[in-house]
C-alpha atoms as a PDB file:
ATOM      1  CA  UNK A   1     -50.550 -36.576   8.530  1.00  0.00           C
ATOM      2  CA  UNK A   2     -47.192 -38.441   8.127  1.00  0.00           C
ATOM      3  CA  UNK A   3     -44.771 -37.926   5.215  1.00  0.00           C
ATOM      4  CA  UNK A   4     -43.860 -40.854   3.038  1.00  0.00           C
ATOM      5  CA  UNK A   5     -40.325 -41.945   3.307  1.00  0.00           C
ATOM      6  CA  UNK A   6     -39.179 -40.378  -0.183  1.00  0.00           C
ATOM      7  CA  UNK A   7     -40.891 -37.042   1.537  1.00  0.00           C
ATOM      8  CA  UNK A   8     -38.014 -37.911   4.489  1.00  0.00           C
ATOM      9  CA  UNK A   9     -35.184 -38.459   2.599  1.00  0.00           C
ATOM     10  CA  UNK A  10     -35.796 -35.260   0.335  1.00  0.00           C
ATOM     11  CA  UNK A  11     -35.961 -33.233   3.359  1.00  0.00           C
ATOM     12  CA  UNK A  12     -33.031 -34.812   5.513  1.00  0.00           C
ATOM     13  CA  UNK A  13     -30.520 -35.925   2.633  1.00  0.00           C
ATOM     14  CA  UNK A  14     -28.623 -32.771   2.778  1.00  0.00           C
ATOM     15  CA  UNK A  15     -28.062 -32.781   6.328  1.00  0.00           C
ATOM     16  CA  UNK A  16     -26.901 -36.229   6.531  1.00  0.00           C
ATOM     17  CA  UNK A  17     -22.921 -36.396   7.245  1.00  0.00           C
ATOM     18  CA  UNK A  18     -20.937 -38.784   5.884  1.00  0.00           C
ATOM     19  CA  UNK A  19     -21.546 -41.115   8.848  1.00  0.00           C
ATOM     20  CA  UNK A  20     -18.579 -43.538  10.463  1.00  0.00           C
ATOM     21  CA  UNK A  21     -16.790 -43.954   7.131  1.00  0.00           C
ATOM     22  CA  UNK A  22     -13.709 -43.170   9.722  1.00  0.00           C
ATOM     23  CA  UNK A  23     -14.846 -45.984  11.982  1.00  0.00           C
ATOM     24  CA  UNK A  24     -14.435 -49.339   9.673  1.00  0.00           C
ATOM     25  CA  UNK A  25     -12.091 -51.532  11.143  1.00  0.00           C
ATOM     26  CA  UNK A  26      -8.539 -51.748   9.504  1.00  0.00           C
ATOM     27  CA  UNK A  27      -9.100 -55.115   9.045  1.00  0.00           C
ATOM     28  CA  UNK A  28     -10.962 -54.580   6.376  1.00  0.00           C
ATOM     29  CA  UNK A  29      -7.879 -53.314   4.411  1.00  0.00           C
ATOM     30  CA  UNK A  30      -6.217 -56.417   4.452  1.00  0.00           C
ATOM     31  CA  UNK A  31      -4.433 -57.354   1.158  1.00  0.00           C
ATOM     32  CA  UNK A  32      -7.163 -59.779  -0.644  1.00  0.00           C
ATOM     33  CA  UNK A  33      -5.673 -62.765  -2.537  1.00  0.00           C
ATOM     34  CA  UNK A  34      -5.423 -62.049  -6.128  1.00  0.00           C
ATOM     35  CA  UNK A  35      -5.910 -65.902  -7.096  1.00  0.00           C
ATOM     36  CA  UNK A  36      -7.586 -69.017  -5.376  1.00  0.00           C
ATOM     37  CA  UNK A  37      -3.934 -70.269  -5.269  1.00  0.00           C
ATOM     38  CA  UNK A  38      -2.359 -67.681  -3.278  1.00  0.00           C
ATOM     39  CA  UNK A  39      -2.652 -69.700   0.260  1.00  0.00           C
ATOM     40  CA  UNK A  40      -0.170 -67.469   2.289  1.00  0.00           C
ATOM     41  CA  UNK A  41      -2.417 -64.868   1.452  1.00  0.00           C
ATOM     42  CA  UNK A  42      -5.680 -66.610   1.780  1.00  0.00           C
ATOM     43  CA  UNK A  43      -4.444 -67.542   5.234  1.00  0.00           C
ATOM     44  CA  UNK A  44      -3.230 -64.067   6.409  1.00  0.00           C
ATOM     45  CA  UNK A  45      -6.465 -62.732   5.021  1.00  0.00           C
ATOM     46  CA  UNK A  46      -8.955 -64.987   7.422  1.00  0.00           C
ATOM     47  CA  UNK A  47      -6.605 -64.956  10.250  1.00  0.00           C
ATOM     48  CA  UNK A  48      -8.520 -61.527  11.465  1.00  0.00           C
ATOM     49  CA  UNK A  49     -12.342 -61.180  12.247  1.00  0.00           C
ATOM     50  CA  UNK A  50     -14.648 -61.460   9.316  1.00  0.00           C
ATOM     51  CA  UNK A  51     -16.195 -58.461   8.382  1.00  0.00           C
ATOM     52  CA  UNK A  52     -19.877 -57.949   7.573  1.00  0.00           C
ATOM     53  CA  UNK A  53     -21.721 -55.268   5.494  1.00  0.00           C
ATOM     54  CA  UNK A  54     -25.754 -54.977   5.623  1.00  0.00           C
ATOM     55  CA  UNK A  55     -27.427 -54.008   2.458  1.00  0.00           C
ATOM     56  CA  UNK A  56     -31.161 -52.988   2.484  1.00  0.00           C
ATOM     57  CA  UNK A  57     -30.331 -53.463   6.353  1.00  0.00           C
ATOM     58  CA  UNK A  58     -33.544 -51.970   7.636  1.00  0.00           C
ATOM     59  CA  UNK A  59     -33.098 -51.408  11.429  1.00  0.00           C
ATOM     60  CA  UNK A  60     -30.352 -54.149  11.620  1.00  0.00           C
ATOM     61  CA  UNK A  61     -31.617 -57.124  12.350  1.00  0.00           C
ATOM     62  CA  UNK A  62     -29.042 -59.528  10.072  1.00  0.00           C
ATOM     63  CA  UNK A  63     -26.067 -56.774  11.689  1.00  0.00           C
ATOM     64  CA  UNK A  64     -27.747 -57.643  14.902  1.00  0.00           C
ATOM     65  CA  UNK A  65     -27.202 -61.611  14.294  1.00  0.00           C
ATOM     66  CA  UNK A  66     -23.984 -60.947  12.887  1.00  0.00           C
ATOM     67  CA  UNK A  67     -22.476 -59.112  15.761  1.00  0.00           C
ATOM     68  CA  UNK A  68     -23.679 -62.034  17.735  1.00  0.00           C
ATOM     69  CA  UNK A  69     -22.202 -63.986  15.457  1.00  0.00           C
ATOM     70  CA  UNK A  70     -18.515 -62.611  16.192  1.00  0.00           C
ATOM     71  CA  UNK A  71     -18.448 -60.703  12.957  1.00  0.00           C
ATOM     72  CA  UNK A  72     -17.160 -57.186  12.728  1.00  0.00           C
ATOM     73  CA  UNK A  73     -20.400 -55.634  11.361  1.00  0.00           C
ATOM     74  CA  UNK A  74     -18.576 -52.666   8.860  1.00  0.00           C
ATOM     75  CA  UNK A  75     -21.740 -50.742   7.167  1.00  0.00           C
ATOM     76  CA  UNK A  76     -25.587 -50.782   6.580  1.00  0.00           C
ATOM     77  CA  UNK A  77     -27.286 -49.087   4.255  1.00  0.00           C
ATOM     78  CA  UNK A  78     -31.297 -48.548   3.882  1.00  0.00           C
ATOM     79  CA  UNK A  79     -33.568 -46.444   1.751  1.00  0.00           C
ATOM     80  CA  UNK A  80     -35.718 -45.313   5.083  1.00  0.00           C
ATOM     81  CA  UNK A  81     -34.971 -42.533   6.823  1.00  0.00           C
ATOM     82  CA  UNK A  82     -36.391 -43.927   9.936  1.00  0.00           C
ATOM     83  CA  UNK A  83     -34.595 -47.475   9.450  1.00  0.00           C
ATOM     84  CA  UNK A  84     -31.238 -45.250   8.765  1.00  0.00           C
ATOM     85  CA  UNK A  85     -31.723 -43.645  12.236  1.00  0.00           C
ATOM     86  CA  UNK A  86     -32.719 -46.834  14.216  1.00  0.00           C
ATOM     87  CA  UNK A  87     -29.475 -48.696  12.601  1.00  0.00           C
ATOM     88  CA  UNK A  88     -27.470 -45.779  13.432  1.00  0.00           C
ATOM     89  CA  UNK A  89     -28.620 -45.613  17.143  1.00  0.00           C
ATOM     90  CA  UNK A  90     -27.943 -49.275  17.337  1.00  0.00           C
ATOM     91  CA  UNK A  91     -24.675 -49.648  15.499  1.00  0.00           C
ATOM     92  CA  UNK A  92     -22.746 -46.659  16.443  1.00  0.00           C
ATOM     93  CA  UNK A  93     -19.454 -47.990  15.218  1.00  0.00           C
ATOM     94  CA  UNK A  94     -20.635 -48.891  11.744  1.00  0.00           C
ATOM     95  CA  UNK A  95     -20.611 -46.496   8.680  1.00  0.00           C
ATOM     96  CA  UNK A  96     -24.606 -45.934   7.612  1.00  0.00           C
ATOM     97  CA  UNK A  97     -25.626 -44.847   4.427  1.00  0.00           C
ATOM     98  CA  UNK A  98     -29.072 -43.660   2.767  1.00  0.00           C
ATOM     99  CA  UNK A  99     -29.908 -46.093  -0.210  1.00  0.00           C
ATOM    100  CA  UNK A 100     -28.083 -48.165  -2.644  1.00  0.00           C
ATOM    101  CA  UNK A 101     -27.071 -45.296  -5.040  1.00  0.00           C
ATOM    102  CA  UNK A 102     -25.405 -43.533  -2.150  1.00  0.00           C
ATOM    103  CA  UNK A 103     -23.439 -46.476  -1.457  1.00  0.00           C
ATOM    104  CA  UNK A 104     -22.459 -47.312  -5.280  1.00  0.00           C
ATOM    105  CA  UNK A 105     -21.533 -43.608  -5.936  1.00  0.00           C
ATOM    106  CA  UNK A 106     -19.131 -43.397  -2.795  1.00  0.00           C
ATOM    107  CA  UNK A 107     -17.288 -46.986  -4.193  1.00  0.00           C
ATOM    108  CA  UNK A 108     -14.935 -46.723  -1.312  1.00  0.00           C
ATOM    109  CA  UNK A 109     -12.497 -49.487  -0.920  1.00  0.00           C
ATOM    110  CA  UNK A 110     -13.519 -49.482   2.970  1.00  0.00           C
ATOM    111  CA  UNK A 111     -16.933 -51.070   2.212  1.00  0.00           C
ATOM    112  CA  UNK A 112     -14.975 -54.146   1.340  1.00  0.00           C
ATOM    113  CA  UNK A 113     -16.255 -57.026   3.217  1.00  0.00           C
ATOM    114  CA  UNK A 114     -15.972 -60.427   3.717  1.00  0.00           C
ATOM    115  CA  UNK A 115     -19.918 -61.760   4.030  1.00  0.00           C
ATOM    116  CA  UNK A 116     -22.236 -59.568   2.468  1.00  0.00           C
ATOM    117  CA  UNK A 117     -26.177 -59.498   3.445  1.00  0.00           C
ATOM    118  CA  UNK A 118     -28.619 -58.406   1.011  1.00  0.00           C
ATOM    119  CA  UNK A 119     -32.295 -57.979   1.734  1.00  0.00           C
ATOM    120  CA  UNK A 120     -33.991 -55.821  -1.291  1.00  0.00           C
ATOM    121  CA  UNK A 121     -37.367 -54.892  -1.269  1.00  0.00           C
ATOM    122  CA  UNK A 122     -39.516 -57.812  -1.446  1.00  0.00           C
ATOM    123  CA  UNK A 123     -43.083 -56.481  -2.225  1.00  0.00           C
ATOM    124  CA  UNK A 124     -43.295 -55.938  -5.989  1.00  0.00           C
ATOM    125  CA  UNK A 125     -42.347 -59.872  -6.207  1.00  0.00           C
ATOM    126  CA  UNK A 126     -44.379 -61.241  -3.378  1.00  0.00           C
ATOM    127  CA  UNK A 127     -47.669 -63.318  -3.773  1.00  0.00           C
ATOM    128  CA  UNK A 128     -49.605 -60.829  -0.878  1.00  0.00           C
ATOM    129  CA  UNK A 129     -48.992 -57.845  -3.746  1.00  0.00           C
ATOM    130  CA  UNK A 130     -52.790 -58.686  -4.400  1.00  0.00           C
ATOM    131  CA  UNK A 131     -53.376 -54.964  -5.618  1.00  0.00           C
ATOM    132  CA  UNK A 132     -50.167 -54.166  -7.399  1.00  0.00           C
ATOM    133  CA  UNK A 133     -48.963 -50.301  -7.634  1.00  0.00           C
ATOM    134  CA  UNK A 134     -47.276 -49.979 -10.613  1.00  0.00           C
ATOM    135  CA  UNK A 135     -45.048 -47.266  -9.765  1.00  0.00           C
ATOM    136  CA  UNK A 136     -43.830 -48.690  -6.289  1.00  0.00           C
ATOM    137  CA  UNK A 137     -43.532 -51.913  -7.809  1.00  0.00           C
ATOM    138  CA  UNK A 138     -41.439 -50.244 -10.601  1.00  0.00           C
ATOM    139  CA  UNK A 139     -39.041 -48.236  -8.201  1.00  0.00           C
ATOM    140  CA  UNK A 140     -39.031 -52.026  -5.941  1.00  0.00           C
ATOM    141  CA  UNK A 141     -37.774 -54.057  -9.125  1.00  0.00           C
ATOM    142  CA  UNK A 142     -35.617 -51.389  -9.867  1.00  0.00           C
ATOM    143  CA  UNK A 143     -34.167 -51.359  -6.627  1.00  0.00           C
ATOM    144  CA  UNK A 144     -33.215 -55.094  -7.264  1.00  0.00           C
ATOM    145  CA  UNK A 145     -31.316 -54.663 -10.097  1.00  0.00           C
ATOM    146  CA  UNK A 146     -28.613 -52.550  -8.573  1.00  0.00           C
ATOM    147  CA  UNK A 147     -27.338 -55.595  -6.687  1.00  0.00           C
ATOM    148  CA  UNK A 148     -24.417 -56.026  -9.416  1.00  0.00           C
ATOM    149  CA  UNK A 149     -23.365 -52.799  -8.346  1.00  0.00           C
ATOM    150  CA  UNK A 150     -23.137 -53.320  -4.662  1.00  0.00           C
ATOM    151  CA  UNK A 151     -21.351 -56.746  -4.955  1.00  0.00           C
ATOM    152  CA  UNK A 152     -18.481 -54.424  -7.162  1.00  0.00           C
ATOM    153  CA  UNK A 153     -18.049 -52.554  -4.047  1.00  0.00           C
ATOM    154  CA  UNK A 154     -18.465 -54.476  -1.436  1.00  0.00           C
ATOM    155  CA  UNK A 155     -16.532 -57.229  -3.237  1.00  0.00           C
ATOM    156  CA  UNK A 156     -17.388 -60.012  -0.569  1.00  0.00           C
ATOM    157  CA  UNK A 157     -16.479 -63.682  -0.438  1.00  0.00           C
ATOM    158  CA  UNK A 158     -19.663 -64.930   0.498  1.00  0.00           C
ATOM    159  CA  UNK A 159     -22.848 -63.451   0.101  1.00  0.00           C
ATOM    160  CA  UNK A 160     -26.309 -64.324   1.415  1.00  0.00           C
ATOM    161  CA  UNK A 161     -29.902 -63.103   0.065  1.00  0.00           C
ATOM    162  CA  UNK A 162     -33.638 -63.106   1.102  1.00  0.00           C
ATOM    163  CA  UNK A 163     -36.112 -62.455  -0.968  1.00  0.00           C
ATOM    164  CA  UNK A 164     -39.729 -63.454  -1.052  1.00  0.00           C
ATOM    165  CA  UNK A 165     -40.559 -67.026  -2.608  1.00  0.00           C
ATOM    166  CA  UNK A 166     -42.784 -65.233  -5.171  1.00  0.00           C
ATOM    167  CA  UNK A 167     -39.928 -64.116  -6.971  1.00  0.00           C
ATOM    168  CA  UNK A 168     -39.324 -67.728  -8.152  1.00  0.00           C
ATOM    169  CA  UNK A 169     -43.014 -69.043  -8.327  1.00  0.00           C
ATOM    170  CA  UNK A 170     -44.884 -66.118  -9.738  1.00  0.00           C
ATOM    171  CA  UNK A 171     -44.844 -66.695 -13.335  1.00  0.00           C
ATOM    172  CA  UNK A 172     -44.635 -62.677 -13.941  1.00  0.00           C
ATOM    173  CA  UNK A 173     -41.390 -62.263 -11.960  1.00  0.00           C
ATOM    174  CA  UNK A 174     -39.166 -65.300 -13.627  1.00  0.00           C
ATOM    175  CA  UNK A 175     -37.530 -62.428 -16.099  1.00  0.00           C
ATOM    176  CA  UNK A 176     -36.653 -60.283 -12.683  1.00  0.00           C
ATOM    177  CA  UNK A 177     -35.534 -63.217 -11.275  1.00  0.00           C
ATOM    178  CA  UNK A 178     -33.512 -64.703 -14.265  1.00  0.00           C
ATOM    179  CA  UNK A 179     -31.912 -60.861 -14.226  1.00  0.00           C
ATOM    180  CA  UNK A 180     -30.799 -60.740 -10.175  1.00  0.00           C
ATOM    181  CA  UNK A 181     -28.969 -64.388 -10.958  1.00  0.00           C
ATOM    182  CA  UNK A 182     -26.916 -62.648 -14.074  1.00  0.00           C
ATOM    183  CA  UNK A 183     -26.065 -59.839 -11.700  1.00  0.00           C
ATOM    184  CA  UNK A 184     -24.183 -62.727  -9.644  1.00  0.00           C
ATOM    185  CA  UNK A 185     -22.767 -64.684 -12.659  1.00  0.00           C
ATOM    186  CA  UNK A 186     -21.676 -61.785 -14.653  1.00  0.00           C
ATOM    187  CA  UNK A 187     -18.776 -61.115 -11.239  1.00  0.00           C
ATOM    188  CA  UNK A 188     -18.080 -64.783 -11.201  1.00  0.00           C
ATOM    189  CA  UNK A 189     -20.001 -65.862  -8.220  1.00  0.00           C
ATOM    190  CA  UNK A 190     -21.124 -69.195  -7.931  1.00  0.00           C
ATOM    191  CA  UNK A 191     -24.567 -69.745  -6.920  1.00  0.00           C
ATOM    192  CA  UNK A 192     -27.092 -72.426  -4.627  1.00  0.00           C
ATOM    193  CA  UNK A 193     -30.589 -71.305  -3.773  1.00  0.00           C
ATOM    194  CA  UNK A 194     -32.972 -72.468  -1.216  1.00  0.00           C
ATOM    195  CA  UNK A 195     -36.600 -71.731  -1.017  1.00  0.00           C
ATOM    196  CA  UNK A 196     -37.992 -72.241   2.686  1.00  0.00           C
END
């Protein structure tokens, strides 16, 4: 009988080393401009390769696209142990962590990136969720409420976030969508959304 992903995490968590933190590129440590008016610091900061972080990375599809676009993939995290293993195999040069909580707790300046991609669990918000499991939904919704902590650690210049259209079009999800937006606006991000 296969184990659930939570059992996999619990059984393997203490065996996992901190993977790849020493491998993060030094280009990620450049001094970031302190204000929008600091033109010289901005030029120096953008003269090197842009760095990329992948939150809720799964096996690394967004990271693969970023690498193909010549972005320097720095790290990825996911709560699935199987996804963690696949990502680590495909991106041996990147730091890999198991879950958002682990990422936020480490709060390491080496996790700062230029571009951050977020793909938090969508099942709780999906119109395909016709027989909701309240316990699983609660966990997945709580994960979406960690975005502010992730943004605070990664300090990205640009963020992309993908989520199911159900977070916008299903009335019961409106409060969750509003909270996701607040997590960005509290940190002074400007927001544009597009329903595809």
